[in-house]
Protein backbone atom coordinates (compact mmCIF):
# COMPACT_ATOMS: atom_id res chain seq x y z
CA UNK A 1 -1.47 12.67 5.32
CA UNK A 2 -3.92 10.56 2.49
CA UNK A 3 -2.82 7.09 1.62
CA UNK A 4 -2.06 5.31 -2.02
CA UNK A 5 -4.35 2.72 -2.68
CA UNK A 6 -2.85 -0.46 -4.07
CA UNK A 7 -3.24 -3.12 -6.24
CA UNK A 8 -2.63 -7.02 -5.72
CA UNK A 9 -3.09 -9.37 -7.87
CA UNK A 10 -2.31 -13.00 -7.20
CA UNK A 11 -1.67 -15.12 -9.86
CA UNK A 12 -1.18 -18.29 -8.16
CA UNK A 13 -4.58 -18.77 -6.21
CA UNK A 14 -3.22 -21.17 -3.76
CA UNK A 15 -2.52 -19.42 -0.13
CA UNK A 16 1.06 -19.55 1.78
CA UNK A 17 0.54 -22.21 3.69
CA UNK A 18 2.45 -20.72 6.24
CA UNK A 19 1.22 -17.52 7.24
CA UNK A 20 -2.53 -17.99 5.01
CA UNK A 21 -2.36 -14.89 2.92
CA UNK A 22 -3.22 -14.58 -0.33
CA UNK A 23 0.04 -15.98 -2.02
CA UNK A 24 1.58 -13.24 -2.47
CA UNK A 25 1.14 -10.61 0.58
CA UNK A 26 4.11 -10.88 2.61
CA UNK A 27 3.58 -12.23 6.39
CA UNK A 28 2.18 -9.23 8.43
CA UNK A 29 2.11 -7.00 5.53
CA UNK A 30 0.35 -4.17 6.95
CA UNK A 31 -1.33 -2.66 3.92
CA UNK A 32 -3.69 -5.62 3.50
CA UNK A 33 -4.83 -5.99 6.99
CA UNK A 34 -5.92 -2.18 7.21
CA UNK A 35 -8.00 -2.76 3.79
CA UNK A 36 -5.45 -0.41 1.50
CA UNK A 37 -6.53 -2.47 -1.62
CA UNK A 38 -9.59 -2.56 -3.91
CA UNK A 39 -11.49 -5.61 -2.89
CA UNK A 40 -12.34 -6.49 -6.38
CA UNK A 41 -8.55 -6.04 -7.94
CA UNK A 42 -7.70 -8.76 -5.28
CA UNK A 43 -8.06 -12.38 -7.78
CA UNK A 44 -7.58 -14.08 -4.04
CA UNK A 45 -11.33 -12.77 -3.37
CA UNK A 46 -14.41 -13.38 -5.21
CA UNK A 47 -17.71 -11.02 -6.38
CA UNK A 48 -21.05 -12.26 -4.31
CA UNK A 49 -23.81 -13.57 -6.53
CA UNK A 50 -26.54 -11.06 -6.48
CA UNK A 51 -28.69 -13.83 -5.35
CA UNK A 52 -26.86 -14.15 -1.58
CA UNK A 53 -26.48 -9.86 -1.73
CA UNK A 54 -28.27 -7.38 -0.74
CA UNK A 55 -26.33 -4.90 -2.86
CA UNK A 56 -24.57 -5.56 -6.05
CA UNK A 57 -20.53 -5.86 -6.29
CA UNK A 58 -19.95 -6.98 -3.10
CA UNK A 59 -16.39 -9.21 -2.24
CA UNK A 60 -14.75 -11.70 0.13
CA UNK A 61 -11.89 -13.70 0.00
CA UNK A 62 -12.70 -17.01 -2.38
CA UNK A 63 -12.55 -19.55 0.63
CA UNK A 64 -14.60 -17.21 3.08
CA UNK A 65 -17.07 -17.53 0.06
CA UNK A 66 -17.13 -21.43 -0.77
CA UNK A 67 -17.42 -21.88 3.04
CA UNK A 68 -20.62 -19.48 3.33
CA UNK A 69 -22.30 -21.49 0.35
CA UNK A 70 -21.65 -24.28 2.02
CA UNK A 71 -23.70 -22.68 4.93
CA UNK A 72 -26.32 -21.34 3.24
CA UNK A 73 -27.31 -24.24 1.27
CA UNK A 74 -27.63 -26.01 4.86
CA UNK A 75 -29.24 -23.11 6.12
CA UNK A 76 -31.37 -23.21 2.69
CA UNK A 77 -32.79 -27.00 3.71
CA UNK A 78 -33.71 -25.52 7.15
CA UNK A 79 -35.85 -23.56 5.73
CA UNK A 80 -33.95 -20.58 6.20
CA UNK A 81 -32.36 -17.33 4.31
CA UNK A 82 -29.29 -15.94 4.47
CA UNK A 83 -28.19 -12.57 3.02
CA UNK A 84 -24.64 -10.49 3.17
CA UNK A 85 -25.16 -7.18 3.86
CA UNK A 86 -21.77 -6.15 3.80
CA UNK A 87 -18.56 -8.05 2.90
CA UNK A 88 -14.71 -6.60 2.22
CA UNK A 89 -14.41 -3.18 3.00
CA UNK A 90 -11.62 -0.86 2.22
CA UNK A 91 -9.76 1.46 4.22
CA UNK A 92 -11.86 4.44 2.15
CA UNK A 93 -14.71 2.31 2.70
CA UNK A 94 -14.30 2.17 5.52
CA UNK A 95 -13.73 5.74 6.27
CA UNK A 96 -16.46 6.67 4.78
CA UNK A 97 -18.57 5.22 7.48
CA UNK A 98 -16.15 6.98 9.95
CA UNK A 99 -16.40 10.21 8.90
CA UNK A 100 -20.10 10.14 8.33
CA UNK A 101 -20.38 9.78 11.62
CA UNK A 102 -17.90 12.43 12.93
CA UNK A 103 -19.78 14.96 11.02
CA UNK A 104 -23.43 14.33 11.61
CA UNK A 105 -24.13 13.09 8.20
CA UNK A 106 -24.61 9.78 9.15
CA UNK A 107 -26.84 9.62 12.60
CA UNK A 108 -25.85 6.85 15.05
CA UNK A 109 -28.18 3.72 15.56
CA UNK A 110 -30.30 5.00 18.12
CA UNK A 111 -30.29 8.39 15.81
CA UNK A 112 -27.86 10.47 17.65
CA UNK A 113 -26.15 12.71 15.94
CA UNK A 114 -22.44 12.49 17.09
CA UNK A 115 -21.16 15.94 16.36
CA UNK A 116 -23.77 17.89 17.60
CA UNK A 117 -24.36 15.35 21.01
CA UNK A 118 -20.21 15.22 21.81
CA UNK A 119 -18.06 18.34 21.34
CA UNK A 120 -15.29 16.57 22.54
CA UNK A 121 -13.22 14.35 19.91
CA UNK A 122 -12.08 11.90 22.36
CA UNK A 123 -15.17 10.93 23.43
CA UNK A 124 -17.00 11.21 20.21
CA UNK A 125 -14.62 8.62 19.48
CA UNK A 126 -15.88 6.31 21.64
CA UNK A 127 -19.55 6.64 21.11
CA UNK A 128 -19.16 5.56 17.30
CA UNK A 129 -16.60 3.06 18.20
CA UNK A 130 -19.73 1.39 20.12
CA UNK A 131 -20.42 -0.32 16.51
CA UNK A 132 -17.80 1.18 14.08
CA UNK A 133 -13.89 0.68 13.99
CA UNK A 134 -12.00 2.94 12.73
CA UNK A 135 -10.20 3.27 9.33
CA UNK A 136 -7.81 0.06 9.19
CA UNK A 137 -8.99 -1.73 12.06
CA UNK A 138 -12.43 -3.39 10.58
CA UNK A 139 -12.36 -7.00 10.60
CA UNK A 140 -13.75 -6.13 7.36
CA UNK A 141 -11.21 -5.55 5.47
CA UNK A 142 -9.89 -8.54 5.63
CA UNK A 143 -12.36 -10.40 2.76
CA UNK A 144 -13.53 -12.94 5.26
CA UNK A 145 -16.27 -11.21 7.83
CA UNK A 146 -19.75 -10.88 6.55
CA UNK A 147 -22.95 -9.18 8.40
CA UNK A 148 -26.24 -10.48 7.65
CA UNK A 149 -29.66 -10.44 7.75
CA UNK A 150 -30.38 -6.77 9.86
CA UNK A 151 -27.97 -4.35 10.91
CA UNK A 152 -30.52 -4.66 14.29
CA UNK A 153 -29.93 -7.10 17.47
CA UNK A 154 -33.81 -6.52 18.26
CA UNK A 155 -34.66 -8.01 14.62
CA UNK A 156 -32.31 -11.41 15.70
CA UNK A 157 -34.07 -11.49 19.03
CA UNK A 158 -37.77 -11.52 17.22
CA UNK A 159 -38.34 -12.35 13.33
CA UNK A 160 -34.60 -13.52 12.84
CA UNK A 161 -34.96 -15.56 17.14
CA UNK A 162 -34.88 -18.68 14.67
CA UNK A 163 -32.07 -17.65 12.24
CA UNK A 164 -29.83 -16.58 14.50
CA UNK A 165 -30.43 -19.55 16.80
CA UNK A 166 -29.98 -21.97 13.82
CA UNK A 167 -25.71 -19.84 13.14
CA UNK A 168 -25.31 -20.46 16.99
CA UNK A 169 -25.77 -24.21 16.80
CA UNK A 170 -24.42 -24.56 13.03
CA UNK A 171 -21.99 -22.00 11.80
CA UNK A 172 -19.10 -22.72 13.54
CA UNK A 173 -20.04 -26.44 11.29
CA UNK A 174 -18.86 -24.20 8.07
CA UNK A 175 -15.98 -21.87 10.07
CA UNK A 176 -17.73 -18.75 10.71
CA UNK A 177 -18.14 -17.75 14.71
CA UNK A 178 -19.77 -14.54 16.70
CA UNK A 179 -16.79 -12.19 17.32
CA UNK A 180 -18.52 -9.09 19.33
CA UNK A 181 -21.43 -11.30 21.08
CA UNK A 182 -22.54 -10.08 24.60
CA UNK A 183 -20.45 -8.66 26.85
CA UNK A 184 -19.88 -9.72 29.61
CA UNK A 185 -16.10 -11.25 32.23
CA UNK A 186 -15.39 -13.28 29.18
CA UNK A 187 -15.27 -10.27 27.02
CA UNK A 188 -15.24 -6.52 29.26
CA UNK A 189 -14.28 -4.69 26.22
CA UNK A 190 -14.35 -3.88 22.43
CA UNK A 191 -17.87 -3.03 20.28
CA UNK A 192 -21.14 -3.60 21.32
CA UNK A 193 -22.63 -7.48 20.70
CA UNK A 194 -23.71 -7.82 16.74
CA UNK A 195 -25.77 -10.65 16.09
CA UNK A 196 -25.38 -10.56 12.72
CA UNK A 197 -21.54 -9.71 12.00
CA UNK A 198 -20.01 -13.35 11.53
CA UNK A 199 -16.09 -14.40 10.69
CA UNK A 200 -14.89 -17.14 8.89
CA UNK A 201 -12.32 -17.88 11.69
CA UNK A 202 -9.59 -20.22 10.18
CA UNK A 203 -8.73 -17.31 8.19
CA UNK A 204 -9.41 -14.39 10.95
CA UNK A 205 -8.05 -15.50 13.73
CA UNK A 206 -4.55 -15.60 11.71
CA UNK A 207 -5.17 -11.83 10.62
CA UNK A 208 -6.96 -10.32 13.90
CA UNK A 209 -3.37 -11.62 16.10
CA UNK A 210 -0.97 -10.18 12.63
CA UNK A 211 -3.39 -6.92 13.00
CA UNK A 212 -2.47 -6.56 16.97
CA UNK A 213 1.00 -8.03 16.73
CA UNK A 214 2.28 -5.52 13.58
CA UNK A 215 0.04 -2.19 13.51
CA UNK A 216 1.54 0.66 14.67
CA UNK A 217 -0.83 2.69 16.81
CA UNK A 218 1.01 6.39 14.25
CA UNK A 219 -0.67 3.94 11.03
CA UNK A 220 -4.32 4.31 12.69
CA UNK A 221 -4.45 7.64 10.80
CA UNK A 222 -5.84 9.34 7.71
CA UNK A 223 -9.48 10.04 8.72
CA UNK A 224 -11.39 12.54 11.12
CA UNK A 225 -10.26 12.19 14.64
CA UNK A 226 -7.45 10.35 14.02
CA UNK A 227 -5.36 12.31 16.36
CA UNK A 228 -6.92 11.20 19.22
CA UNK A 229 -5.79 6.90 18.65
CA UNK A 230 -2.55 7.85 21.29
CA UNK A 231 -5.30 7.68 23.72
CA UNK A 232 -7.41 4.76 23.32
CA UNK A 233 -6.68 1.09 23.54
CA UNK A 234 -7.52 0.22 20.21
CA UNK A 235 -5.73 -2.62 19.84
CA UNK A 236 -5.92 -3.80 22.85
CA UNK A 237 -9.76 -3.93 24.01
CA UNK A 238 -11.36 -3.10 20.25
CA UNK A 239 -9.22 -5.48 17.64
CA UNK A 240 -8.79 -8.37 20.23
CA UNK A 241 -11.87 -7.17 22.44
CA UNK A 242 -13.56 -10.40 20.65
CA UNK A 243 -15.27 -13.59 21.79
CA UNK A 244 -12.67 -15.89 23.26
CA UNK A 245 -13.20 -18.26 21.18
CA UNK A 246 -12.29 -15.98 18.06
CA UNK A 247 -8.69 -15.39 19.74
């Protein structure tokens, strides 16, 4: 069944010091964790200035944004530029991405039409999940995660190599970490490496834990392909399939 988006109004801009959630969001509120809100309606979220964003009207958590601005200023002092390509996404926004790939209307990263290439739904879901989260399980729902400069690992190995090296060295000073590092013994599962995806860990670590703790598998629903959720390790290998330093 489709969900009903709700609006959160945070009158007290301070956080709940115990839960780190916006002040009027209860600990473990899966509506918040699954992005079932309008980002522009959250008083705890702020609009990203056009000079730092690739498109207008993107939002993110105000604390994460303040940290980004400090990081951006430091990068600028080293003659490097940070541009936010994607920030907070509602459930519906993520659903649009997922279903476009599911139906083949949006090609995958290697130009594969998932609908045509993977008639088996479970296999199709796994292929899409190499880079895209199922709606309700994306880190972008929390306003803490941003995509920077280019959605392409190759860019950060060529033209953007200096920038990526700068982020690896300096981003943690501002609370930002790369959750989807290269796969290996320390990260054998989950989405593929994303050199562009950075998370504001002082908040997202808590939200990661709570999503894995409070979300029930039957709540991952409301989009094409959701019938395959029960057979996939979404929580254990995708939500928690992140860099060890982000856990």
